[in-house]
Amino acid sequence: MSEITLAAANKLIAAGVSAAEAEGMKAVFAVLDKGANLVAFARMDGAWLASNELAVAKARTSVMFQAPTALLATPLEIGKPALHFDHVHSPGLLLVGGGVPLFDSDGVLIGGLGASGGSPEQDDALARTAIA
């Protein structure tokens, strides 16, 4: 069974930082393992302090649902079933773009990456670029 290594987590963060710099953004990146435990974390100089918790929450959500958080952030449509969770009973989850699950070459979940520093769309793009 594969695990996310510190070296792999740091490479993801470096790729995310590079993408953020290219976009003129200051962002925070968090990499969690498959148990949603922190493996690596980085806050770019000048990034919002609130993004610290948001990046971790996005990574945690992507691990828990094994899906990109952008896909979980679909708007509600009247009369259609919707994914629902109560933040009081499910603390630390965030259904906005910026979290992506990490899978090994066999498609087994090994962790998640969260990015925060811009709009949900910008954060999603940063996270997806980092894992590409």
N, C-alpha and C. Protein backbone atom coordinates (compact mmCIF):
# COMPACT_ATOMS: atom_id res chain seq x y z
N MET A 1 0.84 -1.18 0.00
CA MET A 1 0.00 0.00 0.00
C MET A 1 0.89 1.25 0.00
N SER A 2 0.60 2.16 -0.88
CA SER A 2 1.41 3.37 -1.03
C SER A 2 1.06 4.42 0.01
N GLU A 3 2.04 5.22 0.33
CA GLU A 3 1.87 6.35 1.24
C GLU A 3 2.45 7.59 0.57
N ILE A 4 1.94 8.75 0.91
CA ILE A 4 2.53 9.99 0.44
C ILE A 4 3.80 10.24 1.27
N THR A 5 4.90 10.49 0.62
CA THR A 5 6.15 10.73 1.33
C THR A 5 6.35 12.23 1.52
N LEU A 6 7.21 12.58 2.44
CA LEU A 6 7.54 13.98 2.65
C LEU A 6 8.17 14.57 1.39
N ALA A 7 9.04 13.80 0.74
CA ALA A 7 9.68 14.28 -0.49
C ALA A 7 8.63 14.56 -1.57
N ALA A 8 7.67 13.66 -1.73
CA ALA A 8 6.62 13.86 -2.74
C ALA A 8 5.75 15.06 -2.36
N ALA A 9 5.42 15.19 -1.08
CA ALA A 9 4.60 16.32 -0.62
C ALA A 9 5.32 17.64 -0.88
N ASN A 10 6.61 17.68 -0.61
CA ASN A 10 7.37 18.91 -0.84
C ASN A 10 7.46 19.26 -2.32
N LYS A 11 7.52 18.25 -3.19
CA LYS A 11 7.52 18.51 -4.64
C LYS A 11 6.19 19.11 -5.08
N LEU A 12 5.08 18.60 -4.53
CA LEU A 12 3.77 19.16 -4.84
C LEU A 12 3.68 20.62 -4.41
N ILE A 13 4.17 20.89 -3.22
CA ILE A 13 4.14 22.26 -2.71
C ILE A 13 5.01 23.17 -3.58
N ALA A 14 6.19 22.70 -3.95
CA ALA A 14 7.07 23.51 -4.81
C ALA A 14 6.39 23.82 -6.14
N ALA A 15 5.70 22.85 -6.70
CA ALA A 15 4.98 23.08 -7.96
C ALA A 15 3.85 24.08 -7.76
N GLY A 16 3.16 23.98 -6.63
CA GLY A 16 2.09 24.93 -6.32
C GLY A 16 2.61 26.34 -6.13
N VAL A 17 3.70 26.47 -5.42
CA VAL A 17 4.31 27.79 -5.19
C VAL A 17 4.74 28.39 -6.53
N SER A 18 5.34 27.58 -7.38
CA SER A 18 5.76 28.06 -8.70
C SER A 18 4.56 28.56 -9.51
N ALA A 19 3.47 27.80 -9.48
CA ALA A 19 2.25 28.20 -10.20
C ALA A 19 1.68 29.49 -9.62
N ALA A 20 1.68 29.61 -8.29
CA ALA A 20 1.17 30.83 -7.65
C ALA A 20 2.02 32.04 -8.04
N GLU A 21 3.33 31.87 -8.01
CA GLU A 21 4.22 32.97 -8.38
C GLU A 21 3.98 33.40 -9.82
N ALA A 22 3.76 32.44 -10.71
CA ALA A 22 3.51 32.75 -12.11
C ALA A 22 2.22 33.56 -12.30
N GLU A 23 1.27 33.37 -11.38
CA GLU A 23 -0.01 34.08 -11.43
C GLU A 23 0.00 35.35 -10.58
N GLY A 24 1.11 35.63 -9.91
CA GLY A 24 1.19 36.80 -9.05
C GLY A 24 0.39 36.64 -7.76
N MET A 25 0.21 35.39 -7.34
CA MET A 25 -0.57 35.10 -6.13
C MET A 25 0.35 34.76 -4.96
N LYS A 26 -0.20 34.91 -3.76
CA LYS A 26 0.44 34.48 -2.53
C LYS A 26 -0.50 33.46 -1.91
N ALA A 27 -0.07 32.22 -1.81
CA ALA A 27 -0.98 31.15 -1.41
C ALA A 27 -0.38 30.28 -0.31
N VAL A 28 -1.25 29.43 0.21
CA VAL A 28 -0.90 28.45 1.24
C VAL A 28 -1.20 27.07 0.67
N PHE A 29 -0.33 26.11 0.98
CA PHE A 29 -0.49 24.74 0.49
C PHE A 29 -0.36 23.77 1.65
N ALA A 30 -1.25 22.78 1.67
CA ALA A 30 -1.22 21.74 2.69
C ALA A 30 -1.34 20.39 2.01
N VAL A 31 -0.50 19.45 2.41
CA VAL A 31 -0.57 18.08 1.91
C VAL A 31 -0.85 17.17 3.10
N LEU A 32 -1.91 16.39 2.97
CA LEU A 32 -2.30 15.44 4.01
C LEU A 32 -2.14 14.01 3.50
N ASP A 33 -1.98 13.06 4.42
CA ASP A 33 -1.93 11.66 4.02
C ASP A 33 -3.35 11.11 3.92
N LYS A 34 -3.50 9.82 3.63
CA LYS A 34 -4.83 9.23 3.42
C LYS A 34 -5.68 9.20 4.69
N GLY A 35 -5.07 9.43 5.84
CA GLY A 35 -5.82 9.52 7.09
C GLY A 35 -6.12 10.96 7.46
N ALA A 36 -5.85 11.88 6.55
CA ALA A 36 -6.08 13.32 6.72
C ALA A 36 -5.16 13.92 7.78
N ASN A 37 -3.95 13.37 7.90
CA ASN A 37 -2.93 13.90 8.79
C ASN A 37 -1.96 14.76 8.00
N LEU A 38 -1.56 15.88 8.56
CA LEU A 38 -0.66 16.80 7.88
C LEU A 38 0.70 16.16 7.62
N VAL A 39 1.16 16.25 6.37
CA VAL A 39 2.49 15.77 5.98
C VAL A 39 3.41 16.95 5.71
N ALA A 40 2.90 17.95 4.98
CA ALA A 40 3.72 19.13 4.65
C ALA A 40 2.81 20.34 4.51
N PHE A 41 3.37 21.50 4.81
CA PHE A 41 2.60 22.74 4.81
C PHE A 41 3.53 23.89 4.45
N ALA A 42 3.03 24.83 3.65
CA ALA A 42 3.82 26.03 3.34
C ALA A 42 2.89 27.21 3.14
N ARG A 43 3.27 28.34 3.72
CA ARG A 43 2.56 29.60 3.48
C ARG A 43 3.54 30.55 2.85
N MET A 44 3.21 30.98 1.63
CA MET A 44 4.07 31.94 0.94
C MET A 44 4.09 33.25 1.71
N ASP A 45 5.21 33.95 1.67
CA ASP A 45 5.32 35.25 2.33
C ASP A 45 4.20 36.16 1.87
N GLY A 46 3.49 36.74 2.82
CA GLY A 46 2.42 37.66 2.52
C GLY A 46 1.06 37.03 2.27
N ALA A 47 0.98 35.70 2.29
CA ALA A 47 -0.32 35.04 2.09
C ALA A 47 -1.21 35.31 3.30
N TRP A 48 -2.51 35.34 3.05
CA TRP A 48 -3.47 35.59 4.14
C TRP A 48 -3.35 34.51 5.21
N LEU A 49 -3.39 34.92 6.47
CA LEU A 49 -3.33 33.96 7.57
C LEU A 49 -4.55 33.04 7.58
N ALA A 50 -5.69 33.53 7.17
CA ALA A 50 -6.91 32.71 7.12
C ALA A 50 -6.74 31.53 6.16
N SER A 51 -5.87 31.70 5.16
CA SER A 51 -5.66 30.63 4.18
C SER A 51 -5.00 29.39 4.79
N ASN A 52 -4.35 29.55 5.95
CA ASN A 52 -3.74 28.39 6.60
C ASN A 52 -4.78 27.31 6.87
N GLU A 53 -5.83 27.69 7.57
CA GLU A 53 -6.87 26.72 7.91
C GLU A 53 -7.67 26.30 6.69
N LEU A 54 -7.86 27.22 5.75
CA LEU A 54 -8.64 26.89 4.55
C LEU A 54 -7.93 25.84 3.70
N ALA A 55 -6.62 25.96 3.54
CA ALA A 55 -5.86 24.99 2.75
C ALA A 55 -5.95 23.59 3.37
N VAL A 56 -5.82 23.51 4.68
CA VAL A 56 -5.92 22.22 5.37
C VAL A 56 -7.34 21.65 5.22
N ALA A 57 -8.36 22.49 5.38
CA ALA A 57 -9.74 22.02 5.26
C ALA A 57 -10.04 21.52 3.85
N LYS A 58 -9.51 22.19 2.84
CA LYS A 58 -9.73 21.75 1.46
C LYS A 58 -9.05 20.40 1.21
N ALA A 59 -7.82 20.25 1.71
CA ALA A 59 -7.12 18.98 1.56
C ALA A 59 -7.87 17.86 2.29
N ARG A 60 -8.34 18.15 3.51
CA ARG A 60 -9.08 17.15 4.29
C ARG A 60 -10.36 16.74 3.58
N THR A 61 -11.07 17.69 3.02
CA THR A 61 -12.31 17.40 2.31
C THR A 61 -12.05 16.52 1.10
N SER A 62 -10.97 16.81 0.36
CA SER A 62 -10.66 16.00 -0.82
C SER A 62 -10.30 14.57 -0.43
N VAL A 63 -9.68 14.39 0.74
CA VAL A 63 -9.38 13.04 1.22
C VAL A 63 -10.67 12.33 1.64
N MET A 64 -11.50 13.00 2.41
CA MET A 64 -12.71 12.38 2.95
C MET A 64 -13.70 11.97 1.86
N PHE A 65 -13.78 12.77 0.79
CA PHE A 65 -14.72 12.46 -0.29
C PHE A 65 -14.03 11.83 -1.50
N GLN A 66 -12.69 11.74 -1.45
CA GLN A 66 -11.89 11.19 -2.55
C GLN A 66 -12.27 11.85 -3.88
N ALA A 67 -12.44 13.16 -3.83
CA ALA A 67 -12.84 13.93 -5.00
C ALA A 67 -12.32 15.35 -4.87
N PRO A 68 -12.11 16.02 -6.01
CA PRO A 68 -11.74 17.44 -5.94
C PRO A 68 -12.86 18.25 -5.29
N THR A 69 -12.49 19.17 -4.45
CA THR A 69 -13.51 19.96 -3.75
C THR A 69 -14.32 20.82 -4.71
N ALA A 70 -13.75 21.19 -5.84
CA ALA A 70 -14.50 21.98 -6.83
C ALA A 70 -15.72 21.20 -7.33
N LEU A 71 -15.61 19.88 -7.41
CA LEU A 71 -16.74 19.07 -7.86
C LEU A 71 -17.82 18.95 -6.79
N LEU A 72 -17.42 19.18 -5.54
CA LEU A 72 -18.37 19.08 -4.42
C LEU A 72 -19.09 20.40 -4.18
N ALA A 73 -18.68 21.44 -4.88
CA ALA A 73 -19.20 22.79 -4.65
C ALA A 73 -20.28 23.16 -5.65
N THR A 74 -20.99 22.17 -6.18
CA THR A 74 -22.02 22.47 -7.17
C THR A 74 -23.14 23.26 -6.53
N PRO A 75 -23.71 24.21 -7.28
CA PRO A 75 -24.79 25.02 -6.72
C PRO A 75 -26.04 24.18 -6.47
N LEU A 76 -26.82 24.60 -5.51
CA LEU A 76 -28.07 23.92 -5.20
C LEU A 76 -29.10 24.19 -6.28
N GLU A 77 -29.86 23.16 -6.61
CA GLU A 77 -30.95 23.31 -7.56
C GLU A 77 -32.23 22.85 -6.87
N ILE A 78 -33.25 23.68 -6.90
CA ILE A 78 -34.51 23.37 -6.25
C ILE A 78 -35.08 22.06 -6.82
N GLY A 79 -35.47 21.17 -5.91
CA GLY A 79 -36.08 19.91 -6.31
C GLY A 79 -35.09 18.80 -6.64
N LYS A 80 -33.79 19.08 -6.54
CA LYS A 80 -32.78 18.06 -6.84
C LYS A 80 -32.02 17.74 -5.55
N PRO A 81 -31.63 16.47 -5.39
CA PRO A 81 -30.85 16.12 -4.19
C PRO A 81 -29.51 16.84 -4.20
N ALA A 82 -29.02 17.17 -3.02
CA ALA A 82 -27.75 17.88 -2.91
C ALA A 82 -26.91 17.26 -1.81
N LEU A 83 -25.59 17.32 -2.00
CA LEU A 83 -24.66 16.91 -0.97
C LEU A 83 -24.82 17.89 0.19
N HIS A 84 -24.95 17.38 1.40
CA HIS A 84 -25.17 18.26 2.54
C HIS A 84 -24.35 17.76 3.72
N PHE A 85 -23.75 18.67 4.40
CA PHE A 85 -23.14 18.34 5.68
C PHE A 85 -23.31 19.53 6.60
N ASP A 86 -23.35 19.25 7.87
CA ASP A 86 -23.50 20.27 8.89
C ASP A 86 -22.11 20.54 9.46
N HIS A 87 -21.62 21.77 9.30
CA HIS A 87 -20.26 22.10 9.74
C HIS A 87 -20.07 21.81 11.23
N VAL A 88 -21.11 21.92 12.01
CA VAL A 88 -21.00 21.66 13.45
C VAL A 88 -20.67 20.19 13.70
N HIS A 89 -21.25 19.30 12.88
CA HIS A 89 -21.02 17.87 13.07
C HIS A 89 -19.91 17.33 12.17
N SER A 90 -19.46 18.12 11.22
CA SER A 90 -18.37 17.72 10.30
C SER A 90 -17.35 18.86 10.22
N PRO A 91 -16.71 19.18 11.35
CA PRO A 91 -15.79 20.32 11.33
C PRO A 91 -14.58 20.03 10.44
N GLY A 92 -14.04 21.08 9.88
CA GLY A 92 -12.83 20.95 9.10
C GLY A 92 -13.03 20.58 7.65
N LEU A 93 -14.28 20.55 7.18
CA LEU A 93 -14.54 20.26 5.77
C LEU A 93 -14.95 21.55 5.08
N LEU A 94 -14.58 21.67 3.80
CA LEU A 94 -14.86 22.88 3.06
C LEU A 94 -15.17 22.52 1.61
N LEU A 95 -16.38 22.83 1.17
CA LEU A 95 -16.84 22.45 -0.17
C LEU A 95 -16.67 23.59 -1.17
N VAL A 96 -15.44 24.05 -1.35
CA VAL A 96 -15.11 25.04 -2.37
C VAL A 96 -13.83 24.60 -3.06
N GLY A 97 -13.61 25.11 -4.26
CA GLY A 97 -12.44 24.71 -5.04
C GLY A 97 -11.13 24.97 -4.33
N GLY A 98 -10.16 24.08 -4.57
CA GLY A 98 -8.82 24.24 -4.01
C GLY A 98 -8.27 22.98 -3.38
N GLY A 99 -9.09 21.93 -3.28
CA GLY A 99 -8.62 20.67 -2.72
C GLY A 99 -8.67 19.57 -3.78
N VAL A 100 -7.61 18.78 -3.86
CA VAL A 100 -7.59 17.66 -4.80
C VAL A 100 -7.06 16.41 -4.09
N PRO A 101 -7.69 15.26 -4.36
CA PRO A 101 -7.17 14.02 -3.77
C PRO A 101 -5.91 13.59 -4.51
N LEU A 102 -5.10 12.82 -3.83
CA LEU A 102 -3.87 12.28 -4.41
C LEU A 102 -3.99 10.76 -4.47
N PHE A 103 -3.71 10.20 -5.62
CA PHE A 103 -3.80 8.76 -5.83
C PHE A 103 -2.46 8.22 -6.30
N ASP A 104 -2.14 6.97 -5.94
CA ASP A 104 -0.92 6.35 -6.46
C ASP A 104 -1.16 5.83 -7.87
N SER A 105 -0.17 5.19 -8.45
CA SER A 105 -0.27 4.71 -9.83
C SER A 105 -1.33 3.62 -10.01
N ASP A 106 -1.76 3.00 -8.91
CA ASP A 106 -2.81 1.98 -8.97
C ASP A 106 -4.19 2.56 -8.70
N GLY A 107 -4.27 3.88 -8.52
CA GLY A 107 -5.55 4.52 -8.26
C GLY A 107 -5.99 4.46 -6.81
N VAL A 108 -5.06 4.15 -5.91
CA VAL A 108 -5.36 4.07 -4.48
C VAL A 108 -5.11 5.43 -3.84
N LEU A 109 -6.05 5.90 -3.04
CA LEU A 109 -5.92 7.18 -2.36
C LEU A 109 -4.72 7.17 -1.43
N ILE A 110 -3.86 8.20 -1.56
CA ILE A 110 -2.71 8.32 -0.66
C ILE A 110 -2.71 9.64 0.10
N GLY A 111 -3.64 10.55 -0.25
CA GLY A 111 -3.68 11.82 0.46
C GLY A 111 -4.46 12.88 -0.28
N GLY A 112 -4.21 14.12 0.09
CA GLY A 112 -4.88 15.25 -0.54
C GLY A 112 -4.03 16.49 -0.46
N LEU A 113 -4.23 17.38 -1.42
CA LEU A 113 -3.54 18.66 -1.47
C LEU A 113 -4.57 19.78 -1.41
N GLY A 114 -4.34 20.75 -0.55
CA GLY A 114 -5.21 21.92 -0.47
C GLY A 114 -4.43 23.18 -0.78
N ALA A 115 -5.06 24.08 -1.54
CA ALA A 115 -4.46 25.37 -1.86
C ALA A 115 -5.46 26.47 -1.52
N SER A 116 -4.95 27.57 -0.97
CA SER A 116 -5.81 28.70 -0.64
C SER A 116 -5.01 29.99 -0.77
N GLY A 117 -5.64 30.99 -1.38
CA GLY A 117 -4.99 32.27 -1.51
C GLY A 117 -5.71 33.19 -2.48
N GLY A 118 -6.62 32.63 -3.25
CA GLY A 118 -7.37 33.42 -4.21
C GLY A 118 -8.83 33.01 -4.20
N SER A 119 -9.47 33.15 -5.33
CA SER A 119 -10.85 32.69 -5.45
C SER A 119 -10.87 31.17 -5.47
N PRO A 120 -12.02 30.54 -5.23
CA PRO A 120 -12.07 29.08 -5.33
C PRO A 120 -11.58 28.56 -6.70
N GLU A 121 -11.88 29.30 -7.76
CA GLU A 121 -11.44 28.88 -9.09
C GLU A 121 -9.92 28.97 -9.23
N GLN A 122 -9.35 30.04 -8.68
CA GLN A 122 -7.89 30.19 -8.72
C GLN A 122 -7.21 29.11 -7.88
N ASP A 123 -7.77 28.84 -6.71
CA ASP A 123 -7.19 27.83 -5.83
C ASP A 123 -7.27 26.44 -6.47
N ASP A 124 -8.40 26.16 -7.12
CA ASP A 124 -8.54 24.88 -7.82
C ASP A 124 -7.48 24.75 -8.92
N ALA A 125 -7.27 25.82 -9.66
CA ALA A 125 -6.26 25.79 -10.73
C ALA A 125 -4.86 25.58 -10.15
N LEU A 126 -4.54 26.22 -9.03
CA LEU A 126 -3.25 26.02 -8.39
C LEU A 126 -3.05 24.57 -7.98
N ALA A 127 -4.06 24.00 -7.33
CA ALA A 127 -3.97 22.62 -6.85
C ALA A 127 -3.82 21.65 -8.02
N ARG A 128 -4.62 21.84 -9.06
CA ARG A 128 -4.54 20.96 -10.23
C ARG A 128 -3.21 21.08 -10.94
N THR A 129 -2.67 22.29 -11.02
CA THR A 129 -1.35 22.48 -11.64
C THR A 129 -0.28 21.80 -10.82
N ALA A 130 -0.38 21.88 -9.51
CA ALA A 130 0.63 21.27 -8.64
C ALA A 130 0.70 19.76 -8.80
N ILE A 131 -0.43 19.11 -9.07
CA ILE A 131 -0.41 17.65 -9.18
C ILE A 131 -0.22 17.17 -10.61
N ALA A 132 -0.19 18.09 -11.57
CA ALA A 132 -0.07 17.69 -12.98
C ALA A 132 1.33 17.18 -13.30
